[in-house]
Each structure stands twice: as structure tokens, then as C-alpha cells.
């Protein structure tokens, strides 16, 4: 009887350890995806700036205004991604 109780307690402890364990690989994957997203946003900003210069040179002010709006949107995304990366990095290092 004692052996069964001890074995059940061991299984319960192992089960809870797995349930409450951290998934570091998921954390690092999330961090990597945020970095990729940030890189893509910077590429979009560079492309929109190039389009903005071309539109202003040609005198196409409506498209230039749209490009400025896109640049602001992408810069906001870069800022949010940077904040996410900083928070994720902080979470990963504090969990050690």
C-alpha cells in the first residue's frame, strides 16, 4: 500500500513538473520571429522612402502622401517590435 501511494505521488510530481515547465525553445523562436518581422519592416521603410523620393521628384504628391503614411505605419511597427523583443529578452533572462 505504501509503495502504491509513493508511486502515485512520484507520478503526480513528474506530471506537474512537465505541466509547469518552461518551453525555452518557444521563447527563442518567438524572439527570432520578432527580429525577422522587424527586419522586414525596415526593408518596407527603405522601399517606401525610395518611392517617396521618386514621387516627389515627379511631382506626384498624392502618392507621396500615401508613402509618408506607410512609412509612419512601418516605423510604428518597428518600434512595437523592438519593445516586444526587449520584453521577450528580459523574460527569457529573468526566468533562468
PDB file of N, CA and C in Angstrom:
ATOM      1  N   UNK A   1       0.822  -1.189   0.000  1.00  0.00           N
ATOM      2  CA  UNK A   1       0.000   0.000   0.000  1.00  0.00           C
ATOM      3  C   UNK A   1       0.872   1.261   0.000  1.00  0.00           C
ATOM      4  N   UNK A   2       1.905   1.232   0.820  1.00  0.00           N
ATOM      5  CA  UNK A   2       2.807   2.381   0.873  1.00  0.00           C
ATOM      6  C   UNK A   2       3.493   2.595  -0.475  1.00  0.00           C
ATOM      7  N   UNK A   3       3.859   1.526  -1.122  1.00  0.00           N
ATOM      8  CA  UNK A   3       4.543   1.603  -2.413  1.00  0.00           C
ATOM      9  C   UNK A   3       3.630   2.252  -3.459  1.00  0.00           C
ATOM     10  N   UNK A   4       2.369   1.914  -3.448  1.00  0.00           N
ATOM     11  CA  UNK A   4       1.424   2.491  -4.404  1.00  0.00           C
ATOM     12  C   UNK A   4       1.249   3.991  -4.158  1.00  0.00           C
ATOM     13  N   UNK A   5       1.159   4.379  -2.910  1.00  0.00           N
ATOM     14  CA  UNK A   5       0.995   5.799  -2.591  1.00  0.00           C
ATOM     15  C   UNK A   5       2.227   6.578  -3.018  1.00  0.00           C
ATOM     16  N   UNK A   6       3.397   6.037  -2.747  1.00  0.00           N
ATOM     17  CA  UNK A   6       4.637   6.713  -3.142  1.00  0.00           C
ATOM     18  C   UNK A   6       4.748   6.797  -4.654  1.00  0.00           C
ATOM     19  N   UNK A   7       4.382   5.732  -5.362  1.00  0.00           N
ATOM     20  CA  UNK A   7       4.455   5.762  -6.829  1.00  0.00           C
ATOM     21  C   UNK A   7       3.456   6.770  -7.400  1.00  0.00           C
ATOM     22  N   UNK A   8       2.267   6.854  -6.812  1.00  0.00           N
ATOM     23  CA  UNK A   8       1.292   7.849  -7.275  1.00  0.00           C
ATOM     24  C   UNK A   8       1.796   9.266  -7.029  1.00  0.00           C
ATOM     25  N   UNK A   9       2.422   9.506  -5.902  1.00  0.00           N
ATOM     26  CA  UNK A   9       2.998  10.817  -5.623  1.00  0.00           C
ATOM     27  C   UNK A   9       4.116  11.157  -6.605  1.00  0.00           C
ATOM     28  N   UNK A  10       4.937  10.178  -6.925  1.00  0.00           N
ATOM     29  CA  UNK A  10       6.015  10.416  -7.906  1.00  0.00           C
ATOM     30  C   UNK A  10       5.444  10.772  -9.270  1.00  0.00           C
ATOM     31  N   UNK A  11       4.405  10.032  -9.691  1.00  0.00           N
ATOM     32  CA  UNK A  11       3.784  10.340 -10.975  1.00  0.00           C
ATOM     33  C   UNK A  11       3.139  11.729 -10.957  1.00  0.00           C
ATOM     34  N   UNK A  12       2.539  12.089  -9.844  1.00  0.00           N
ATOM     35  CA  UNK A  12       1.924  13.410  -9.735  1.00  0.00           C
ATOM     36  C   UNK A  12       2.988  14.502  -9.809  1.00  0.00           C
ATOM     37  N   UNK A  13       4.124  14.292  -9.147  1.00  0.00           N
ATOM     38  CA  UNK A  13       5.206  15.276  -9.190  1.00  0.00           C
ATOM     39  C   UNK A  13       5.793  15.404 -10.588  1.00  0.00           C
ATOM     40  N   UNK A  14       5.994  14.271 -11.253  1.00  0.00           N
ATOM     41  CA  UNK A  14       6.519  14.316 -12.618  1.00  0.00           C
ATOM     42  C   UNK A  14       5.532  15.005 -13.566  1.00  0.00           C
ATOM     43  N   UNK A  15       4.269  14.713 -13.401  1.00  0.00           N
ATOM     44  CA  UNK A  15       3.251  15.342 -14.243  1.00  0.00           C
ATOM     45  C   UNK A  15       3.180  16.840 -14.034  1.00  0.00           C
ATOM     46  N   UNK A  16       3.282  17.260 -12.790  1.00  0.00           N
ATOM     47  CA  UNK A  16       3.226  18.704 -12.521  1.00  0.00           C
ATOM     48  C   UNK A  16       4.496  19.398 -13.013  1.00  0.00           C
ATOM     49  N   UNK A  17       5.635  18.713 -12.937  1.00  0.00           N
ATOM     50  CA  UNK A  17       6.880  19.311 -13.432  1.00  0.00           C
ATOM     51  C   UNK A  17       6.794  19.544 -14.938  1.00  0.00           C
ATOM     52  N   UNK A  18       6.202  18.603 -15.652  1.00  0.00           N
ATOM     53  CA  UNK A  18       6.046  18.761 -17.103  1.00  0.00           C
ATOM     54  C   UNK A  18       5.028  19.855 -17.407  1.00  0.00           C
ATOM     55  N   UNK A  19       3.958  19.911 -16.634  1.00  0.00           N
ATOM     56  CA  UNK A  19       2.908  20.896 -16.891  1.00  0.00           C
ATOM     57  C   UNK A  19       3.388  22.315 -16.613  1.00  0.00           C
ATOM     58  N   UNK A  20       4.204  22.499 -15.589  1.00  0.00           N
ATOM     59  CA  UNK A  20       4.653  23.841 -15.232  1.00  0.00           C
ATOM     60  C   UNK A  20       6.023  24.188 -15.795  1.00  0.00           C
ATOM     61  N   UNK A  21       6.613  23.276 -16.526  1.00  0.00           N
ATOM     62  CA  UNK A  21       7.932  23.531 -17.107  1.00  0.00           C
ATOM     63  C   UNK A  21       7.867  24.591 -18.187  1.00  0.00           C
ATOM     64  N   UNK A  22       8.963  25.232 -18.421  1.00  0.00           N
ATOM     65  CA  UNK A  22       9.019  26.292 -19.417  1.00  0.00           C
ATOM     66  C   UNK A  22       9.488  25.720 -20.749  1.00  0.00           C
ATOM     67  N   UNK A  23       9.049  26.330 -21.787  1.00  0.00           N
ATOM     68  CA  UNK A  23       9.439  25.927 -23.121  1.00  0.00           C
ATOM     69  C   UNK A  23      10.379  26.987 -23.679  1.00  0.00           C
ATOM     70  N   UNK A  24      11.652  26.816 -23.411  1.00  0.00           N
ATOM     71  CA  UNK A  24      12.645  27.818 -23.849  1.00  0.00           C
ATOM     72  C   UNK A  24      12.743  27.900 -25.363  1.00  0.00           C
ATOM     73  N   UNK A  25      12.578  26.760 -26.032  1.00  0.00           N
ATOM     74  CA  UNK A  25      12.668  26.788 -27.494  1.00  0.00           C
ATOM     75  C   UNK A  25      11.582  27.692 -28.070  1.00  0.00           C
ATOM     76  N   UNK A  26      10.388  27.642 -27.505  1.00  0.00           N
ATOM     77  CA  UNK A  26       9.301  28.507 -27.970  1.00  0.00           C
ATOM     78  C   UNK A  26       9.646  29.969 -27.732  1.00  0.00           C
ATOM     79  N   UNK A  27      10.252  30.274 -26.590  1.00  0.00           N
ATOM     80  CA  UNK A  27      10.633  31.654 -26.298  1.00  0.00           C
ATOM     81  C   UNK A  27      11.644  32.168 -27.307  1.00  0.00           C
ATOM     82  N   UNK A  28      12.645  31.348 -27.629  1.00  0.00           N
ATOM     83  CA  UNK A  28      13.664  31.783 -28.579  1.00  0.00           C
ATOM     84  C   UNK A  28      13.104  31.881 -29.991  1.00  0.00           C
ATOM     85  N   UNK A  29      12.173  30.985 -30.347  1.00  0.00           N
ATOM     86  CA  UNK A  29      11.528  31.070 -31.655  1.00  0.00           C
ATOM     87  C   UNK A  29      10.723  32.358 -31.766  1.00  0.00           C
ATOM     88  N   UNK A  30      10.021  32.717 -30.708  1.00  0.00           N
ATOM     89  CA  UNK A  30       9.243  33.950 -30.693  1.00  0.00           C
ATOM     90  C   UNK A  30      10.156  35.157 -30.859  1.00  0.00           C
ATOM     91  N   UNK A  31      11.271  35.142 -30.170  1.00  0.00           N
ATOM     92  CA  UNK A  31      12.245  36.229 -30.276  1.00  0.00           C
ATOM     93  C   UNK A  31      12.793  36.325 -31.694  1.00  0.00           C
ATOM     94  N   UNK A  32      13.095  35.187 -32.303  1.00  0.00           N
ATOM     95  CA  UNK A  32      13.635  35.165 -33.668  1.00  0.00           C
ATOM     96  C   UNK A  32      12.600  35.692 -34.659  1.00  0.00           C
ATOM     97  N   UNK A  33      11.341  35.298 -34.482  1.00  0.00           N
ATOM     98  CA  UNK A  33      10.299  35.785 -35.397  1.00  0.00           C
ATOM     99  C   UNK A  33      10.097  37.282 -35.273  1.00  0.00           C
ATOM    100  N   UNK A  34      10.210  37.814 -34.052  1.00  0.00           N
ATOM    101  CA  UNK A  34      10.106  39.266 -33.874  1.00  0.00           C
ATOM    102  C   UNK A  34      11.249  39.987 -34.586  1.00  0.00           C
ATOM    103  N   UNK A  35      12.446  39.408 -34.538  1.00  0.00           N
ATOM    104  CA  UNK A  35      13.579  40.027 -35.232  1.00  0.00           C
ATOM    105  C   UNK A  35      13.380  39.999 -36.741  1.00  0.00           C
ATOM    106  N   UNK A  36      12.855  38.898 -37.254  1.00  0.00           N
ATOM    107  CA  UNK A  36      12.590  38.803 -38.698  1.00  0.00           C
ATOM    108  C   UNK A  36      11.537  39.825 -39.103  1.00  0.00           C
ATOM    109  N   UNK A  37      10.488  39.960 -38.302  1.00  0.00           N
ATOM    110  CA  UNK A  37       9.430  40.919 -38.595  1.00  0.00           C
ATOM    111  C   UNK A  37       9.978  42.339 -38.600  1.00  0.00           C
ATOM    112  N   UNK A  38      10.866  42.630 -37.672  1.00  0.00           N
ATOM    113  CA  UNK A  38      11.482  43.962 -37.602  1.00  0.00           C
ATOM    114  C   UNK A  38      12.330  44.233 -38.841  1.00  0.00           C
ATOM    115  N   UNK A  39      13.079  43.220 -39.268  1.00  0.00           N
ATOM    116  CA  UNK A  39      13.900  43.366 -40.465  1.00  0.00           C
ATOM    117  C   UNK A  39      13.035  43.624 -41.698  1.00  0.00           C
ATOM    118  N   UNK A  40      11.900  42.927 -41.809  1.00  0.00           N
ATOM    119  CA  UNK A  40      11.011  43.128 -42.947  1.00  0.00           C
ATOM    120  C   UNK A  40      10.388  44.521 -42.917  1.00  0.00           C
ATOM    121  N   UNK A  41      10.057  45.008 -41.729  1.00  0.00           N
ATOM    122  CA  UNK A  41       9.515  46.366 -41.628  1.00  0.00           C
ATOM    123  C   UNK A  41      10.553  47.400 -42.052  1.00  0.00           C
ATOM    124  N   UNK A  42      11.800  47.205 -41.680  1.00  0.00           N
ATOM    125  CA  UNK A  42      12.847  48.144 -42.110  1.00  0.00           C
ATOM    126  C   UNK A  42      13.027  48.118 -43.628  1.00  0.00           C
ATOM    127  N   UNK A  43      12.924  46.927 -44.226  1.00  0.00           N
ATOM    128  CA  UNK A  43      13.006  46.823 -45.682  1.00  0.00           C
ATOM    129  C   UNK A  43      11.853  47.577 -46.329  1.00  0.00           C
ATOM    130  N   UNK A  44      10.648  47.463 -45.742  1.00  0.00           N
ATOM    131  CA  UNK A  44       9.490  48.182 -46.271  1.00  0.00           C
ATOM    132  C   UNK A  44       9.683  49.696 -46.152  1.00  0.00           C
ATOM    133  N   UNK A  45      10.272  50.135 -45.049  1.00  0.00           N
ATOM    134  CA  UNK A  45      10.522  51.570 -44.866  1.00  0.00           C
ATOM    135  C   UNK A  45      11.482  52.074 -45.934  1.00  0.00           C
ATOM    136  N   UNK A  46      12.542  51.331 -46.188  1.00  0.00           N
ATOM    137  CA  UNK A  46      13.506  51.747 -47.214  1.00  0.00           C
ATOM    138  C   UNK A  46      12.852  51.814 -48.590  1.00  0.00           C
ATOM    139  N   UNK A  47      12.004  50.834 -48.914  1.00  0.00           N
ATOM    140  CA  UNK A  47      11.323  50.842 -50.205  1.00  0.00           C
ATOM    141  C   UNK A  47      10.360  52.028 -50.299  1.00  0.00           C
ATOM    142  N   UNK A  48       9.627  52.305 -49.207  1.00  0.00           N
ATOM    143  CA  UNK A  48       8.697  53.439 -49.223  1.00  0.00           C
ATOM    144  C   UNK A  48       9.439  54.770 -49.314  1.00  0.00           C
ATOM    145  N   UNK A  49      10.599  54.880 -48.697  1.00  0.00           N
ATOM    146  CA  UNK A  49      11.379  56.115 -48.801  1.00  0.00           C
ATOM    147  C   UNK A  49      11.877  56.317 -50.232  1.00  0.00           C
ATOM    148  N   UNK A  50      12.278  55.235 -50.866  1.00  0.00           N
ATOM    149  CA  UNK A  50      12.709  55.332 -52.264  1.00  0.00           C
ATOM    150  C   UNK A  50      11.536  55.758 -53.138  1.00  0.00           C
ATOM    151  N   UNK A  51      10.344  55.172 -52.909  1.00  0.00           N
ATOM    152  CA  UNK A  51       9.157  55.564 -53.670  1.00  0.00           C
ATOM    153  C   UNK A  51       8.773  57.016 -53.388  1.00  0.00           C
ATOM    154  N   UNK A  52       8.933  57.437 -52.146  1.00  0.00           N
ATOM    155  CA  UNK A  52       8.627  58.821 -51.779  1.00  0.00           C
ATOM    156  C   UNK A  52       9.516  59.799 -52.548  1.00  0.00           C
ATOM    157  N   UNK A  53      10.814  59.500 -52.594  1.00  0.00           N
ATOM    158  CA  UNK A  53      11.730  60.374 -53.344  1.00  0.00           C
ATOM    159  C   UNK A  53      11.353  60.439 -54.817  1.00  0.00           C
ATOM    160  N   UNK A  54      11.015  59.276 -55.385  1.00  0.00           N
ATOM    161  CA  UNK A  54      10.632  59.256 -56.798  1.00  0.00           C
ATOM    162  C   UNK A  54       9.330  60.026 -57.042  1.00  0.00           C
ATOM    163  N   UNK A  55       8.355  59.870 -56.134  1.00  0.00           N
ATOM    164  CA  UNK A  55       7.085  60.578 -56.295  1.00  0.00           C
ATOM    165  C   UNK A  55       7.268  62.083 -56.163  1.00  0.00           C
ATOM    166  N   UNK A  56       8.084  62.521 -55.210  1.00  0.00           N
ATOM    167  CA  UNK A  56       8.322  63.957 -55.059  1.00  0.00           C
ATOM    168  C   UNK A  56       9.081  64.518 -56.255  1.00  0.00           C
ATOM    169  N   UNK A  57      10.012  63.734 -56.803  1.00  0.00           N
ATOM    170  CA  UNK A  57      10.758  64.192 -57.970  1.00  0.00           C
ATOM    171  C   UNK A  57       9.841  64.354 -59.176  1.00  0.00           C
ATOM    172  N   UNK A  58       8.832  63.458 -59.292  1.00  0.00           N
ATOM    173  CA  UNK A  58       7.903  63.520 -60.420  1.00  0.00           C
ATOM    174  C   UNK A  58       6.745  64.482 -60.171  1.00  0.00           C
ATOM    175  N   UNK A  59       6.596  64.952 -58.914  1.00  0.00           N
ATOM    176  CA  UNK A  59       5.513  65.868 -58.600  1.00  0.00           C
ATOM    177  C   UNK A  59       4.204  65.165 -58.279  1.00  0.00           C
ATOM    178  N   UNK A  60       4.253  63.886 -57.973  1.00  0.00           N
ATOM    179  CA  UNK A  60       3.064  63.112 -57.656  1.00  0.00           C
ATOM    180  C   UNK A  60       2.849  63.164 -56.134  1.00  0.00           C
ATOM    181  N   UNK A  61       2.169  64.231 -55.681  1.00  0.00           N
ATOM    182  CA  UNK A  61       2.086  64.494 -54.243  1.00  0.00           C
ATOM    183  C   UNK A  61       1.097  63.586 -53.519  1.00  0.00           C
ATOM    184  N   UNK A  62       0.084  63.110 -54.208  1.00  0.00           N
ATOM    185  CA  UNK A  62      -0.878  62.216 -53.569  1.00  0.00           C
ATOM    186  C   UNK A  62      -0.203  60.883 -53.203  1.00  0.00           C
ATOM    187  N   UNK A  63       0.552  60.337 -54.128  1.00  0.00           N
ATOM    188  CA  UNK A  63       1.278  59.103 -53.824  1.00  0.00           C
ATOM    189  C   UNK A  63       2.362  59.346 -52.779  1.00  0.00           C
ATOM    190  N   UNK A  64       2.961  60.531 -52.795  1.00  0.00           N
ATOM    191  CA  UNK A  64       3.966  60.869 -51.786  1.00  0.00           C
ATOM    192  C   UNK A  64       3.335  60.903 -50.396  1.00  0.00           C
ATOM    193  N   UNK A  65       2.128  61.434 -50.304  1.00  0.00           N
ATOM    194  CA  UNK A  65       1.419  61.456 -49.023  1.00  0.00           C
ATOM    195  C   UNK A  65       1.125  60.031 -48.545  1.00  0.00           C
ATOM    196  N   UNK A  66       0.702  59.175 -49.468  1.00  0.00           N
ATOM    197  CA  UNK A  66       0.443  57.775 -49.106  1.00  0.00           C
ATOM    198  C   UNK A  66       1.724  57.076 -48.656  1.00  0.00           C
ATOM    199  N   UNK A  67       2.829  57.375 -49.321  1.00  0.00           N
ATOM    200  CA  UNK A  67       4.105  56.782 -48.916  1.00  0.00           C
ATOM    201  C   UNK A  67       4.522  57.256 -47.522  1.00  0.00           C
ATOM    202  N   UNK A  68       4.303  58.531 -47.236  1.00  0.00           N
ATOM    203  CA  UNK A  68       4.603  59.042 -45.889  1.00  0.00           C
ATOM    204  C   UNK A  68       3.769  58.333 -44.827  1.00  0.00           C
ATOM    205  N   UNK A  69       2.506  58.100 -45.145  1.00  0.00           N
ATOM    206  CA  UNK A  69       1.629  57.388 -44.210  1.00  0.00           C
ATOM    207  C   UNK A  69       2.134  55.958 -43.994  1.00  0.00           C
ATOM    208  N   UNK A  70       2.554  55.299 -45.076  1.00  0.00           N
ATOM    209  CA  UNK A  70       3.100  53.945 -44.960  1.00  0.00           C
ATOM    210  C   UNK A  70       4.388  53.922 -44.139  1.00  0.00           C
ATOM    211  N   UNK A  71       5.225  54.924 -44.332  1.00  0.00           N
ATOM    212  CA  UNK A  71       6.483  54.997 -43.575  1.00  0.00           C
ATOM    213  C   UNK A  71       6.189  55.153 -42.082  1.00  0.00           C
ATOM    214  N   UNK A  72       5.236  56.030 -41.744  1.00  0.00           N
ATOM    215  CA  UNK A  72       4.876  56.200 -40.326  1.00  0.00           C
ATOM    216  C   UNK A  72       4.329  54.908 -39.738  1.00  0.00           C
ATOM    217  N   UNK A  73       3.508  54.208 -40.503  1.00  0.00           N
ATOM    218  CA  UNK A  73       2.933  52.948 -40.033  1.00  0.00           C
ATOM    219  C   UNK A  73       4.038  51.913 -39.806  1.00  0.00           C
ATOM    220  N   UNK A  74       4.973  51.804 -40.753  1.00  0.00           N
ATOM    221  CA  UNK A  74       6.055  50.830 -40.617  1.00  0.00           C
ATOM    222  C   UNK A  74       7.003  51.195 -39.470  1.00  0.00           C
ATOM    223  N   UNK A  75       7.244  52.495 -39.278  1.00  0.00           N
ATOM    224  CA  UNK A  75       8.094  52.896 -38.151  1.00  0.00           C
ATOM    225  C   UNK A  75       7.431  52.573 -36.815  1.00  0.00           C
ATOM    226  N   UNK A  76       6.120  52.716 -36.750  1.00  0.00           N
ATOM    227  CA  UNK A  76       5.386  52.342 -35.541  1.00  0.00           C
ATOM    228  C   UNK A  76       5.510  50.833 -35.304  1.00  0.00           C
ATOM    229  N   UNK A  77       5.426  50.048 -36.384  1.00  0.00           N
ATOM    230  CA  UNK A  77       5.596  48.599 -36.262  1.00  0.00           C
ATOM    231  C   UNK A  77       6.994  48.243 -35.775  1.00  0.00           C
ATOM    232  N   UNK A  78       8.005  48.933 -36.295  1.00  0.00           N
ATOM    233  CA  UNK A  78       9.381  48.667 -35.858  1.00  0.00           C
ATOM    234  C   UNK A  78       9.524  48.980 -34.374  1.00  0.00           C
ATOM    235  N   UNK A  79       8.928  50.080 -33.942  1.00  0.00           N
ATOM    236  CA  UNK A  79       9.003  50.446 -32.525  1.00  0.00           C
ATOM    237  C   UNK A  79       8.318  49.397 -31.653  1.00  0.00           C
ATOM    238  N   UNK A  80       7.138  48.932 -32.076  1.00  0.00           N
ATOM    239  CA  UNK A  80       6.436  47.902 -31.311  1.00  0.00           C
ATOM    240  C   UNK A  80       7.208  46.587 -31.288  1.00  0.00           C
ATOM    241  N   UNK A  81       7.818  46.229 -32.414  1.00  0.00           N
ATOM    242  CA  UNK A  81       8.618  45.002 -32.458  1.00  0.00           C
ATOM    243  C   UNK A  81       9.840  45.118 -31.557  1.00  0.00           C
ATOM    244  N   UNK A  82      10.457  46.291 -31.544  1.00  0.00           N
ATOM    245  CA  UNK A  82      11.620  46.491 -30.666  1.00  0.00           C
ATOM    246  C   UNK A  82      11.210  46.348 -29.200  1.00  0.00           C
ATOM    247  N   UNK A  83      10.053  46.904 -28.859  1.00  0.00           N
ATOM    248  CA  UNK A  83       9.558  46.785 -27.491  1.00  0.00           C
ATOM    249  C   UNK A  83       9.252  45.324 -27.146  1.00  0.00           C
ATOM    250  N   UNK A  84       8.671  44.571 -28.109  1.00  0.00           N
ATOM    251  CA  UNK A  84       8.399  43.152 -27.882  1.00  0.00           C
ATOM    252  C   UNK A  84       9.680  42.360 -27.699  1.00  0.00           C
ATOM    253  N   UNK A  85      10.682  42.662 -28.514  1.00  0.00           N
ATOM    254  CA  UNK A  85      11.954  41.950 -28.409  1.00  0.00           C
ATOM    255  C   UNK A  85      12.592  42.229 -27.061  1.00  0.00           C
ATOM    256  N   UNK A  86      12.565  43.473 -26.637  1.00  0.00           N
ATOM    257  CA  UNK A  86      13.160  43.821 -25.344  1.00  0.00           C
ATOM    258  C   UNK A  86      12.431  43.110 -24.205  1.00  0.00           C
ATOM    259  N   UNK A  87      11.104  43.071 -24.266  1.00  0.00           N
ATOM    260  CA  UNK A  87      10.332  42.402 -23.215  1.00  0.00           C
ATOM    261  C   UNK A  87      10.579  40.892 -23.236  1.00  0.00           C
ATOM    262  N   UNK A  88      10.630  40.298 -24.438  1.00  0.00           N
ATOM    263  CA  UNK A  88      10.879  38.858 -24.529  1.00  0.00           C
ATOM    264  C   UNK A  88      12.266  38.516 -24.024  1.00  0.00           C
ATOM    265  N   UNK A  89      13.238  39.331 -24.390  1.00  0.00           N
ATOM    266  CA  UNK A  89      14.607  39.076 -23.949  1.00  0.00           C
ATOM    267  C   UNK A  89      14.704  39.178 -22.422  1.00  0.00           C
ATOM    268  N   UNK A  90      14.005  40.160 -21.876  1.00  0.00           N
ATOM    269  CA  UNK A  90      14.005  40.333 -20.419  1.00  0.00           C
ATOM    270  C   UNK A  90      13.342  39.131 -19.737  1.00  0.00           C
ATOM    271  N   UNK A  91      12.237  38.647 -20.329  1.00  0.00           N
ATOM    272  CA  UNK A  91      11.555  37.492 -19.749  1.00  0.00           C
ATOM    273  C   UNK A  91      12.426  36.257 -19.776  1.00  0.00           C
ATOM    274  N   UNK A  92      13.145  36.051 -20.885  1.00  0.00           N
ATOM    275  CA  UNK A  92      13.974  34.856 -21.016  1.00  0.00           C
ATOM    276  C   UNK A  92      15.110  34.907 -20.003  1.00  0.00           C
ATOM    277  N   UNK A  93      15.739  36.072 -19.841  1.00  0.00           N
ATOM    278  CA  UNK A  93      16.888  36.153 -18.933  1.00  0.00           C
ATOM    279  C   UNK A  93      16.469  36.088 -17.467  1.00  0.00           C
ATOM    280  N   UNK A  94      15.282  36.583 -17.119  1.00  0.00           N
ATOM    281  CA  UNK A  94      14.866  36.550 -15.726  1.00  0.00           C
ATOM    282  C   UNK A  94      14.374  35.161 -15.317  1.00  0.00           C
ATOM    283  N   UNK A  95      13.985  34.343 -16.291  1.00  0.00           N
ATOM    284  CA  UNK A  95      13.482  33.007 -15.957  1.00  0.00           C
ATOM    285  C   UNK A  95      14.594  32.017 -15.669  1.00  0.00           C
ATOM    286  N   UNK A  96      15.812  32.380 -15.930  1.00  0.00           N
ATOM    287  CA  UNK A  96      16.902  31.418 -15.740  1.00  0.00           C
ATOM    288  C   UNK A  96      17.103  31.077 -14.308  1.00  0.00           C
TER     289      UNK A  96
END
